Amino acid sequence: MGRYQIITAEDKVHLHVSTDRKIKVTVKGQGELQGLGSGNPISEENFFDGAYTAFYGKALAVIRPIGIGSIKVKIEADKCEPILVELEAIE
Protein backbone atom coordinates (compact mmCIF):
# COMPACT_ATOMS: atom_id res chain seq x y z
CA MET A 1 0.00 0.00 0.00
CA GLY A 2 1.30 3.46 -0.82
CA ARG A 3 0.41 6.94 0.38
CA TYR A 4 0.80 9.81 -2.08
CA GLN A 5 0.57 13.47 -1.17
CA ILE A 6 -1.17 15.63 -3.76
CA ILE A 7 -0.42 19.37 -3.85
CA THR A 8 -2.25 21.68 -6.27
CA ALA A 9 0.14 24.07 -8.02
CA GLU A 10 0.63 26.22 -11.10
CA ASP A 11 4.20 24.96 -11.38
CA LYS A 12 6.98 23.70 -9.10
CA VAL A 13 7.25 27.07 -7.34
CA HIS A 14 3.70 28.49 -7.13
CA LEU A 15 1.48 26.31 -4.95
CA HIS A 16 -2.29 26.77 -4.60
CA VAL A 17 -2.36 26.66 -0.80
CA SER A 18 -4.99 29.38 -0.45
CA THR A 19 -7.54 27.78 -2.78
CA ASP A 20 -9.16 24.44 -2.11
CA ARG A 21 -9.84 22.67 -5.38
CA LYS A 22 -11.77 19.48 -6.04
CA ILE A 23 -9.31 16.62 -6.73
CA LYS A 24 -10.26 13.45 -8.58
CA VAL A 25 -8.09 10.30 -8.55
CA THR A 26 -8.65 7.42 -10.96
CA VAL A 27 -6.70 4.15 -10.67
CA LYS A 28 -6.47 1.48 -13.40
CA GLY A 29 -4.55 -1.75 -13.71
CA GLN A 30 -3.24 -3.75 -10.75
CA GLY A 31 -4.25 -1.28 -8.04
CA GLU A 32 -7.22 0.40 -6.46
CA LEU A 33 -7.85 3.65 -4.64
CA GLN A 34 -8.21 2.73 -0.98
CA GLY A 35 -9.11 6.27 0.06
CA LEU A 36 -8.70 9.97 -0.70
CA GLY A 37 -8.88 12.75 1.87
CA SER A 38 -7.50 16.12 2.87
CA GLY A 39 -7.43 16.28 6.66
CA ASN A 40 -10.08 19.00 6.71
CA PRO A 41 -11.72 18.58 10.13
CA ILE A 42 -15.13 19.89 8.99
CA SER A 43 -15.42 18.12 5.62
CA GLU A 44 -18.42 15.86 5.12
CA GLU A 45 -17.03 14.29 1.93
CA ASN A 46 -16.60 10.51 1.63
CA PHE A 47 -13.03 9.09 1.57
CA PHE A 48 -14.10 6.38 -0.88
CA ASP A 49 -15.73 8.46 -3.65
CA GLY A 50 -12.54 9.08 -5.66
CA ALA A 51 -13.02 12.86 -5.46
CA TYR A 52 -12.28 15.16 -2.54
CA THR A 53 -11.70 18.86 -1.94
CA ALA A 54 -8.13 19.82 -1.06
CA PHE A 55 -7.42 21.47 2.30
CA TYR A 56 -4.87 24.29 2.02
CA GLY A 57 -4.11 22.94 -1.45
CA LYS A 58 -3.26 19.42 -0.26
CA ALA A 59 -4.80 15.94 -0.23
CA LEU A 60 -3.61 12.39 0.38
CA ALA A 61 -4.38 9.33 -1.78
CA VAL A 62 -3.87 5.78 -0.57
CA ILE A 63 -3.43 3.22 -3.35
CA ARG A 64 -3.41 -0.52 -2.72
CA PRO A 65 -1.98 -3.06 -5.17
CA ILE A 66 -4.34 -5.92 -6.04
CA GLY A 67 -1.85 -7.90 -8.10
CA ILE A 68 1.57 -7.80 -9.72
CA GLY A 69 1.98 -5.40 -12.62
CA SER A 70 1.33 -1.85 -13.75
CA ILE A 71 -0.83 0.62 -11.81
CA LYS A 72 -1.87 3.76 -13.69
CA VAL A 73 -2.99 6.74 -11.63
CA LYS A 74 -4.65 9.85 -13.08
CA ILE A 75 -4.93 12.92 -10.84
CA GLU A 76 -7.16 15.81 -11.89
CA ALA A 77 -8.00 19.08 -10.15
CA ASP A 78 -10.01 22.15 -11.11
CA LYS A 79 -7.89 24.61 -13.12
CA CYS A 80 -4.81 22.32 -13.00
CA GLU A 81 -3.21 20.14 -15.65
CA PRO A 82 -3.99 16.42 -15.21
CA ILE A 83 -1.12 14.25 -13.97
CA LEU A 84 -0.56 10.65 -15.04
CA VAL A 85 1.62 8.44 -12.84
CA GLU A 86 2.58 4.84 -13.53
CA LEU A 87 3.54 2.60 -10.62
CA GLU A 88 4.75 -0.99 -10.68
CA ALA A 89 3.47 -3.49 -8.13
CA ILE A 90 6.02 -6.22 -7.44
CA GLU A 91 6.10 -9.30 -5.23
PDB file of N, CA and C in Angstrom:
ATOM      1  N   MET A   1       0.857  -1.163   0.000  1.00  0.00           N
ATOM      2  CA  MET A   1       0.000   0.000   0.000  1.00  0.00           C
ATOM      3  C   MET A   1       0.903   1.226   0.000  1.00  0.00           C
ATOM      4  N   GLY A   2       0.518   2.230  -0.753  1.00  0.00           N
ATOM      5  CA  GLY A   2       1.302   3.459  -0.824  1.00  0.00           C
ATOM      6  C   GLY A   2       0.454   4.675  -0.531  1.00  0.00           C
ATOM      7  N   ARG A   3       1.076   5.664   0.108  1.00  0.00           N
ATOM      8  CA  ARG A   3       0.406   6.944   0.381  1.00  0.00           C
ATOM      9  C   ARG A   3       1.080   8.005  -0.481  1.00  0.00           C
ATOM     10  N   TYR A   4       0.279   8.816  -1.142  1.00  0.00           N
ATOM     11  CA  TYR A   4       0.803   9.806  -2.076  1.00  0.00           C
ATOM     12  C   TYR A   4       0.185  11.163  -1.782  1.00  0.00           C
ATOM     13  N   GLN A   5       1.052  12.119  -1.449  1.00  0.00           N
ATOM     14  CA  GLN A   5       0.569  13.471  -1.166  1.00  0.00           C
ATOM     15  C   GLN A   5       0.332  14.187  -2.486  1.00  0.00           C
ATOM     16  N   ILE A   6      -0.795  14.861  -2.581  1.00  0.00           N
ATOM     17  CA  ILE A   6      -1.166  15.633  -3.763  1.00  0.00           C
ATOM     18  C   ILE A   6      -1.192  17.095  -3.362  1.00  0.00           C
ATOM     19  N   ILE A   7      -0.463  17.931  -4.118  1.00  0.00           N
ATOM     20  CA  ILE A   7      -0.423  19.368  -3.850  1.00  0.00           C
ATOM     21  C   ILE A   7      -0.812  20.086  -5.138  1.00  0.00           C
ATOM     22  N   THR A   8      -1.844  20.938  -5.080  1.00  0.00           N
ATOM     23  CA  THR A   8      -2.248  21.683  -6.271  1.00  0.00           C
ATOM     24  C   THR A   8      -1.289  22.850  -6.472  1.00  0.00           C
ATOM     25  N   ALA A   9      -0.859  23.038  -7.729  1.00  0.00           N
ATOM     26  CA  ALA A   9       0.141  24.066  -8.020  1.00  0.00           C
ATOM     27  C   ALA A   9       0.052  24.503  -9.472  1.00  0.00           C
ATOM     28  N   GLU A  10       0.497  25.737  -9.723  1.00  0.00           N
ATOM     29  CA  GLU A  10       0.630  26.223 -11.104  1.00  0.00           C
ATOM     30  C   GLU A  10       1.868  25.626 -11.743  1.00  0.00           C
ATOM     31  N   ASP A  11       2.929  25.522 -10.952  1.00  0.00           N
ATOM     32  CA  ASP A  11       4.198  24.961 -11.381  1.00  0.00           C
ATOM     33  C   ASP A  11       4.939  24.502 -10.134  1.00  0.00           C
ATOM     34  N   LYS A  12       6.224  24.214 -10.245  1.00  0.00           N
ATOM     35  CA  LYS A  12       6.981  23.696  -9.099  1.00  0.00           C
ATOM     36  C   LYS A  12       7.236  24.740  -8.016  1.00  0.00           C
ATOM     37  N   VAL A  13       6.978  25.993  -8.301  1.00  0.00           N
ATOM     38  CA  VAL A  13       7.247  27.069  -7.344  1.00  0.00           C
ATOM     39  C   VAL A  13       5.965  27.655  -6.749  1.00  0.00           C
ATOM     40  N   HIS A  14       4.926  27.802  -7.555  1.00  0.00           N
ATOM     41  CA  HIS A  14       3.696  28.486  -7.133  1.00  0.00           C
ATOM     42  C   HIS A  14       2.613  27.491  -6.749  1.00  0.00           C
ATOM     43  N   LEU A  15       2.472  27.248  -5.452  1.00  0.00           N
ATOM     44  CA  LEU A  15       1.476  26.309  -4.948  1.00  0.00           C
ATOM     45  C   LEU A  15       0.142  26.999  -4.735  1.00  0.00           C
ATOM     46  N   HIS A  16      -0.940  26.248  -4.825  1.00  0.00           N
ATOM     47  CA  HIS A  16      -2.292  26.775  -4.603  1.00  0.00           C
ATOM     48  C   HIS A  16      -2.735  26.471  -3.175  1.00  0.00           C
ATOM     49  N   VAL A  17      -2.025  26.982  -2.185  1.00  0.00           N
ATOM     50  CA  VAL A  17      -2.363  26.660  -0.797  1.00  0.00           C
ATOM     51  C   VAL A  17      -3.526  27.485  -0.262  1.00  0.00           C
ATOM     52  N   SER A  18      -3.891  28.552  -0.941  1.00  0.00           N
ATOM     53  CA  SER A  18      -4.990  29.383  -0.447  1.00  0.00           C
ATOM     54  C   SER A  18      -6.321  29.066  -1.133  1.00  0.00           C
ATOM     55  N   THR A  19      -6.310  28.164  -2.112  1.00  0.00           N
ATOM     56  CA  THR A  19      -7.545  27.780  -2.785  1.00  0.00           C
ATOM     57  C   THR A  19      -7.725  26.274  -2.691  1.00  0.00           C
ATOM     58  N   ASP A  20      -8.873  25.867  -2.244  1.00  0.00           N
ATOM     59  CA  ASP A  20      -9.162  24.442  -2.109  1.00  0.00           C
ATOM     60  C   ASP A  20      -9.925  23.973  -3.333  1.00  0.00           C
ATOM     61  N   ARG A  21      -9.280  23.152  -4.127  1.00  0.00           N
ATOM     62  CA  ARG A  21      -9.845  22.671  -5.384  1.00  0.00           C
ATOM     63  C   ARG A  21     -10.285  21.221  -5.251  1.00  0.00           C
ATOM     64  N   LYS A  22     -11.297  20.858  -6.004  1.00  0.00           N
ATOM     65  CA  LYS A  22     -11.768  19.477  -6.042  1.00  0.00           C
ATOM     66  C   LYS A  22     -10.725  18.631  -6.768  1.00  0.00           C
ATOM     67  N   ILE A  23     -10.307  17.533  -6.157  1.00  0.00           N
ATOM     68  CA  ILE A  23      -9.313  16.624  -6.729  1.00  0.00           C
ATOM     69  C   ILE A  23      -9.997  15.301  -7.023  1.00  0.00           C
ATOM     70  N   LYS A  24      -9.705  14.745  -8.195  1.00  0.00           N
ATOM     71  CA  LYS A  24     -10.256  13.446  -8.583  1.00  0.00           C
ATOM     72  C   LYS A  24      -9.087  12.505  -8.885  1.00  0.00           C
ATOM     73  N   VAL A  25      -9.123  11.302  -8.325  1.00  0.00           N
ATOM     74  CA  VAL A  25      -8.086  10.304  -8.549  1.00  0.00           C
ATOM     75  C   VAL A  25      -8.732   9.064  -9.153  1.00  0.00           C
ATOM     76  N   THR A  26      -8.173   8.615 -10.281  1.00  0.00           N
ATOM     77  CA  THR A  26      -8.647   7.420 -10.963  1.00  0.00           C
ATOM     78  C   THR A  26      -7.491   6.429 -11.034  1.00  0.00           C
ATOM     79  N   VAL A  27      -7.730   5.178 -10.659  1.00  0.00           N
ATOM     80  CA  VAL A  27      -6.699   4.148 -10.672  1.00  0.00           C
ATOM     81  C   VAL A  27      -7.133   3.024 -11.606  1.00  0.00           C
ATOM     82  N   LYS A  28      -6.209   2.593 -12.487  1.00  0.00           N
ATOM     83  CA  LYS A  28      -6.470   1.485 -13.403  1.00  0.00           C
ATOM     84  C   LYS A  28      -5.322   0.488 -13.316  1.00  0.00           C
ATOM     85  N   GLY A  29      -5.585  -0.721 -13.719  1.00  0.00           N
ATOM     86  CA  GLY A  29      -4.555  -1.753 -13.708  1.00  0.00           C
ATOM     87  C   GLY A  29      -4.570  -2.539 -12.409  1.00  0.00           C
ATOM     88  N   GLN A  30      -3.391  -2.858 -11.901  1.00  0.00           N
ATOM     89  CA  GLN A  30      -3.240  -3.747 -10.752  1.00  0.00           C
ATOM     90  C   GLN A  30      -3.269  -3.016  -9.407  1.00  0.00           C
ATOM     91  N   GLY A  31      -4.120  -2.008  -9.296  1.00  0.00           N
ATOM     92  CA  GLY A  31      -4.249  -1.275  -8.038  1.00  0.00           C
ATOM     93  C   GLY A  31      -5.643  -0.702  -7.894  1.00  0.00           C
ATOM     94  N   GLU A  32      -5.944  -0.258  -6.687  1.00  0.00           N
ATOM     95  CA  GLU A  32      -7.219   0.403  -6.456  1.00  0.00           C
ATOM     96  C   GLU A  32      -7.031   1.519  -5.441  1.00  0.00           C
ATOM     97  N   LEU A  33      -7.881   2.528  -5.572  1.00  0.00           N
ATOM     98  CA  LEU A  33      -7.852   3.647  -4.639  1.00  0.00           C
ATOM     99  C   LEU A  33      -8.492   3.187  -3.341  1.00  0.00           C
ATOM    100  N   GLN A  34      -7.703   3.145  -2.283  1.00  0.00           N
ATOM    101  CA  GLN A  34      -8.213   2.727  -0.978  1.00  0.00           C
ATOM    102  C   GLN A  34      -8.944   3.876  -0.289  1.00  0.00           C
ATOM    103  N   GLY A  35      -8.464   5.108  -0.527  1.00  0.00           N
ATOM    104  CA  GLY A  35      -9.105   6.274   0.064  1.00  0.00           C
ATOM    105  C   GLY A  35      -8.444   7.554  -0.403  1.00  0.00           C
ATOM    106  N   LEU A  36      -9.179   8.652  -0.308  1.00  0.00           N
ATOM    107  CA  LEU A  36      -8.697   9.972  -0.698  1.00  0.00           C
ATOM    108  C   LEU A  36      -9.265  10.974   0.293  1.00  0.00           C
ATOM    109  N   GLY A  37      -8.413  11.773   0.891  1.00  0.00           N
ATOM    110  CA  GLY A  37      -8.877  12.752   1.872  1.00  0.00           C
ATOM    111  C   GLY A  37      -7.926  13.930   1.957  1.00  0.00           C
ATOM    112  N   SER A  38      -8.306  14.909   2.779  1.00  0.00           N
ATOM    113  CA  SER A  38      -7.499  16.120   2.875  1.00  0.00           C
ATOM    114  C   SER A  38      -7.126  16.507   4.296  1.00  0.00           C
ATOM    115  N   GLY A  39      -7.703  15.887   5.281  1.00  0.00           N
ATOM    116  CA  GLY A  39      -7.428  16.279   6.662  1.00  0.00           C
ATOM    117  C   GLY A  39      -8.271  17.448   7.139  1.00  0.00           C
ATOM    118  N   ASN A  40      -9.203  17.904   6.309  1.00  0.00           N
ATOM    119  CA  ASN A  40     -10.082  19.002   6.708  1.00  0.00           C
ATOM    120  C   ASN A  40     -11.012  18.502   7.822  1.00  0.00           C
ATOM    121  N   PRO A  41     -10.933  19.095   9.011  1.00  0.00           N
ATOM    122  CA  PRO A  41     -11.718  18.576  10.135  1.00  0.00           C
ATOM    123  C   PRO A  41     -13.222  18.797  10.018  1.00  0.00           C
ATOM    124  N   ILE A  42     -13.680  19.661   9.101  1.00  0.00           N
ATOM    125  CA  ILE A  42     -15.126  19.894   8.986  1.00  0.00           C
ATOM    126  C   ILE A  42     -15.716  19.387   7.670  1.00  0.00           C
ATOM    127  N   SER A  43     -14.920  18.662   6.890  1.00  0.00           N
ATOM    128  CA  SER A  43     -15.424  18.123   5.624  1.00  0.00           C
ATOM    129  C   SER A  43     -16.419  17.005   5.885  1.00  0.00           C
ATOM    130  N   GLU A  44     -17.447  16.938   5.051  1.00  0.00           N
ATOM    131  CA  GLU A  44     -18.419  15.856   5.122  1.00  0.00           C
ATOM    132  C   GLU A  44     -18.328  14.959   3.883  1.00  0.00           C
ATOM    133  N   GLU A  45     -17.226  15.099   3.128  1.00  0.00           N
ATOM    134  CA  GLU A  45     -17.026  14.287   1.931  1.00  0.00           C
ATOM    135  C   GLU A  45     -16.636  12.854   2.314  1.00  0.00           C
ATOM    136  N   ASN A  46     -16.882  11.919   1.405  1.00  0.00           N
ATOM    137  CA  ASN A  46     -16.600  10.509   1.627  1.00  0.00           C
ATOM    138  C   ASN A  46     -15.198  10.176   1.126  1.00  0.00           C
ATOM    139  N   PHE A  47     -14.401   9.477   1.941  1.00  0.00           N
ATOM    140  CA  PHE A  47     -13.032   9.092   1.568  1.00  0.00           C
ATOM    141  C   PHE A  47     -12.986   8.121   0.396  1.00  0.00           C
ATOM    142  N   PHE A  48     -14.097   7.457   0.100  1.00  0.00           N
ATOM    143  CA  PHE A  48     -14.100   6.381  -0.880  1.00  0.00           C
ATOM    144  C   PHE A  48     -14.706   6.771  -2.226  1.00  0.00           C
ATOM    145  N   ASP A  49     -15.084   8.032  -2.410  1.00  0.00           N
ATOM    146  CA  ASP A  49     -15.734   8.464  -3.650  1.00  0.00           C
ATOM    147  C   ASP A  49     -14.784   8.671  -4.825  1.00  0.00           C
ATOM    148  N   GLY A  50     -13.491   8.826  -4.582  1.00  0.00           N
ATOM    149  CA  GLY A  50     -12.545   9.076  -5.656  1.00  0.00           C
ATOM    150  C   GLY A  50     -12.388  10.554  -5.980  1.00  0.00           C
ATOM    151  N   ALA A  51     -13.140  11.412  -5.292  1.00  0.00           N
ATOM    152  CA  ALA A  51     -13.025  12.860  -5.463  1.00  0.00           C
ATOM    153  C   ALA A  51     -13.137  13.508  -4.083  1.00  0.00           C
ATOM    154  N   TYR A  52     -12.322  14.515  -3.852  1.00  0.00           N
ATOM    155  CA  TYR A  52     -12.281  15.162  -2.537  1.00  0.00           C
ATOM    156  C   TYR A  52     -11.752  16.577  -2.714  1.00  0.00           C
ATOM    157  N   THR A  53     -12.174  17.481  -1.876  1.00  0.00           N
ATOM    158  CA  THR A  53     -11.703  18.864  -1.944  1.00  0.00           C
ATOM    159  C   THR A  53     -10.429  19.007  -1.126  1.00  0.00           C
ATOM    160  N   ALA A  54      -9.410  19.609  -1.738  1.00  0.00           N
ATOM    161  CA  ALA A  54      -8.132  19.820  -1.059  1.00  0.00           C
ATOM    162  C   ALA A  54      -8.309  20.735   0.150  1.00  0.00           C
ATOM    163  N   PHE A  55      -7.419  20.624   1.103  1.00  0.00           N
ATOM    164  CA  PHE A  55      -7.415  21.465   2.299  1.00  0.00           C
ATOM    165  C   PHE A  55      -6.071  22.166   2.317  1.00  0.00           C
ATOM    166  N   TYR A  56      -6.084  23.497   2.194  1.00  0.00           N
ATOM    167  CA  TYR A  56      -4.865  24.287   2.018  1.00  0.00           C
ATOM    168  C   TYR A  56      -4.049  23.768   0.833  1.00  0.00           C
ATOM    169  N   GLY A  57      -4.751  23.366  -0.216  1.00  0.00           N
ATOM    170  CA  GLY A  57      -4.106  22.936  -1.451  1.00  0.00           C
ATOM    171  C   GLY A  57      -3.549  21.527  -1.430  1.00  0.00           C
ATOM    172  N   LYS A  58      -3.843  20.751  -0.381  1.00  0.00           N
ATOM    173  CA  LYS A  58      -3.258  19.416  -0.259  1.00  0.00           C
ATOM    174  C   LYS A  58      -4.315  18.338  -0.030  1.00  0.00           C
ATOM    175  N   ALA A  59      -3.971  17.124  -0.471  1.00  0.00           N
ATOM    176  CA  ALA A  59      -4.796  15.943  -0.229  1.00  0.00           C
ATOM    177  C   ALA A  59      -3.861  14.738  -0.170  1.00  0.00           C
ATOM    178  N   LEU A  60      -4.391  13.611   0.272  1.00  0.00           N
ATOM    179  CA  LEU A  60      -3.609  12.388   0.377  1.00  0.00           C
ATOM    180  C   LEU A  60      -4.402  11.241  -0.238  1.00  0.00           C
ATOM    181  N   ALA A  61      -3.757  10.506  -1.152  1.00  0.00           N
ATOM    182  CA  ALA A  61      -4.376   9.334  -1.780  1.00  0.00           C
ATOM    183  C   ALA A  61      -3.659   8.086  -1.282  1.00  0.00           C
ATOM    184  N   VAL A  62      -4.431   7.070  -0.969  1.00  0.00           N
ATOM    185  CA  VAL A  62      -3.875   5.780  -0.572  1.00  0.00           C
ATOM    186  C   VAL A  62      -4.248   4.776  -1.656  1.00  0.00           C
ATOM    187  N   ILE A  63      -3.218   4.156  -2.244  1.00  0.00           N
ATOM    188  CA  ILE A  63      -3.427   3.222  -3.350  1.00  0.00           C
ATOM    189  C   ILE A  63      -2.914   1.848  -2.925  1.00  0.00           C
ATOM    190  N   ARG A  64      -3.741   0.841  -3.134  1.00  0.00           N
ATOM    191  CA  ARG A  64      -3.415  -0.523  -2.723  1.00  0.00           C
ATOM    192  C   ARG A  64      -3.256  -1.398  -3.956  1.00  0.00           C
ATOM    193  N   PRO A  65      -2.121  -2.122  -4.053  1.00  0.00           N
ATOM    194  CA  PRO A  65      -1.983  -3.057  -5.171  1.00  0.00           C
ATOM    195  C   PRO A  65      -2.921  -4.245  -4.988  1.00  0.00           C
ATOM    196  N   ILE A  66      -3.461  -4.745  -6.089  1.00  0.00           N
ATOM    197  CA  ILE A  66      -4.338  -5.920  -6.037  1.00  0.00           C
ATOM    198  C   ILE A  66      -3.741  -7.079  -6.832  1.00  0.00           C
ATOM    199  N   GLY A  67      -2.545  -6.870  -7.343  1.00  0.00           N
ATOM    200  CA  GLY A  67      -1.850  -7.903  -8.103  1.00  0.00           C
ATOM    201  C   GLY A  67      -0.502  -7.365  -8.542  1.00  0.00           C
ATOM    202  N   ILE A  68       0.255  -8.198  -9.212  1.00  0.00           N
ATOM    203  CA  ILE A  68       1.572  -7.800  -9.721  1.00  0.00           C
ATOM    204  C   ILE A  68       1.396  -7.183 -11.098  1.00  0.00           C
ATOM    205  N   GLY A  69       2.057  -6.041 -11.317  1.00  0.00           N
ATOM    206  CA  GLY A  69       1.984  -5.396 -12.622  1.00  0.00           C
ATOM    207  C   GLY A  69       1.827  -3.895 -12.520  1.00  0.00           C
ATOM    208  N   SER A  70       1.410  -3.307 -13.606  1.00  0.00           N
ATOM    209  CA  SER A  70       1.328  -1.852 -13.751  1.00  0.00           C
ATOM    210  C   SER A  70       0.073  -1.271 -13.076  1.00  0.00           C
ATOM    211  N   ILE A  71       0.273  -0.149 -12.399  1.00  0.00           N
ATOM    212  CA  ILE A  71      -0.827   0.623 -11.810  1.00  0.00           C
ATOM    213  C   ILE A  71      -0.757   2.016 -12.425  1.00  0.00           C
ATOM    214  N   LYS A  72      -1.826   2.432 -13.070  1.00  0.00           N
ATOM    215  CA  LYS A  72      -1.871   3.757 -13.692  1.00  0.00           C
ATOM    216  C   LYS A  72      -2.791   4.652 -12.877  1.00  0.00           C
ATOM    217  N   VAL A  73      -2.265   5.799 -12.474  1.00  0.00           N
ATOM    218  CA  VAL A  73      -2.992   6.736 -11.628  1.00  0.00           C
ATOM    219  C   VAL A  73      -3.148   8.053 -12.376  1.00  0.00           C
ATOM    220  N   LYS A  74      -4.381   8.541 -12.466  1.00  0.00           N
ATOM    221  CA  LYS A  74      -4.655   9.848 -13.079  1.00  0.00           C
ATOM    222  C   LYS A  74      -5.178  10.765 -11.981  1.00  0.00           C
ATOM    223  N   ILE A  75      -4.543  11.933 -11.848  1.00  0.00           N
ATOM    224  CA  ILE A  75      -4.929  12.920 -10.839  1.00  0.00           C
ATOM    225  C   ILE A  75      -5.380  14.177 -11.570  1.00  0.00           C
ATOM    226  N   GLU A  76      -6.603  14.614 -11.267  1.00  0.00           N
ATOM    227  CA  GLU A  76      -7.157  15.808 -11.891  1.00  0.00           C
ATOM    228  C   GLU A  76      -7.642  16.760 -10.809  1.00  0.00           C
ATOM    229  N   ALA A  77      -7.495  18.058 -11.070  1.00  0.00           N
ATOM    230  CA  ALA A  77      -7.999  19.080 -10.149  1.00  0.00           C
ATOM    231  C   ALA A  77      -8.481  20.265 -10.969  1.00  0.00           C
ATOM    232  N   ASP A  78      -9.474  20.962 -10.447  1.00  0.00           N
ATOM    233  CA  ASP A  78     -10.005  22.147 -11.114  1.00  0.00           C
ATOM    234  C   ASP A  78      -8.880  23.129 -11.424  1.00  0.00           C
ATOM    235  N   LYS A  79      -8.840  23.603 -12.662  1.00  0.00           N
ATOM    236  CA  LYS A  79      -7.885  24.608 -13.123  1.00  0.00           C
ATOM    237  C   LYS A  79      -6.423  24.175 -12.997  1.00  0.00           C
ATOM    238  N   CYS A  80      -6.173  22.867 -13.024  1.00  0.00           N
ATOM    239  CA  CYS A  80      -4.813  22.322 -12.999  1.00  0.00           C
ATOM    240  C   CYS A  80      -4.679  21.299 -14.122  1.00  0.00           C
ATOM    241  N   GLU A  81      -3.461  21.142 -14.627  1.00  0.00           N
ATOM    242  CA  GLU A  81      -3.206  20.138 -15.652  1.00  0.00           C
ATOM    243  C   GLU A  81      -3.320  18.743 -15.033  1.00  0.00           C
ATOM    244  N   PRO A  82      -3.927  17.788 -15.736  1.00  0.00           N
ATOM    245  CA  PRO A  82      -3.985  16.425 -15.205  1.00  0.00           C
ATOM    246  C   PRO A  82      -2.583  15.810 -15.127  1.00  0.00           C
ATOM    247  N   ILE A  83      -2.396  14.942 -14.160  1.00  0.00           N
ATOM    248  CA  ILE A  83      -1.124  14.251 -13.967  1.00  0.00           C
ATOM    249  C   ILE A  83      -1.364  12.755 -14.132  1.00  0.00           C
ATOM    250  N   LEU A  84      -0.506  12.099 -14.887  1.00  0.00           N
ATOM    251  CA  LEU A  84      -0.558  10.648 -15.044  1.00  0.00           C
ATOM    252  C   LEU A  84       0.695  10.064 -14.409  1.00  0.00           C
ATOM    253  N   VAL A  85       0.503   9.086 -13.529  1.00  0.00           N
ATOM    254  CA  VAL A  85       1.621   8.440 -12.838  1.00  0.00           C
ATOM    255  C   VAL A  85       1.481   6.947 -13.065  1.00  0.00           C
ATOM    256  N   GLU A  86       2.595   6.293 -13.390  1.00  0.00           N
ATOM    257  CA  GLU A  86       2.575   4.840 -13.535  1.00  0.00           C
ATOM    258  C   GLU A  86       3.455   4.225 -12.460  1.00  0.00           C
ATOM    259  N   LEU A  87       2.854   3.308 -11.707  1.00  0.00           N
ATOM    260  CA  LEU A  87       3.544   2.602 -10.623  1.00  0.00           C
ATOM    261  C   LEU A  87       3.665   1.132 -11.030  1.00  0.00           C
ATOM    262  N   GLU A  88       4.581   0.429 -10.408  1.00  0.00           N
ATOM    263  CA  GLU A  88       4.749  -0.987 -10.676  1.00  0.00           C
ATOM    264  C   GLU A  88       4.628  -1.766  -9.373  1.00  0.00           C
ATOM    265  N   ALA A  89       3.643  -2.644  -9.303  1.00  0.00           N
ATOM    266  CA  ALA A  89       3.466  -3.490  -8.127  1.00  0.00           C
ATOM    267  C   ALA A  89       4.304  -4.755  -8.333  1.00  0.00           C
ATOM    268  N   ILE A  90       5.156  -5.039  -7.359  1.00  0.00           N
ATOM    269  CA  ILE A  90       6.022  -6.217  -7.440  1.00  0.00           C
ATOM    270  C   ILE A  90       5.733  -7.140  -6.257  1.00  0.00           C
ATOM    271  N   GLU A  91       6.303  -8.336  -6.307  1.00  0.00           N
ATOM    272  CA  GLU A  91       6.101  -9.295  -5.230  1.00  0.00           C
ATOM    273  C   GLU A  91       6.704  -8.830  -3.940  1.00  0.00           C
TER     274      GLU A  91
END
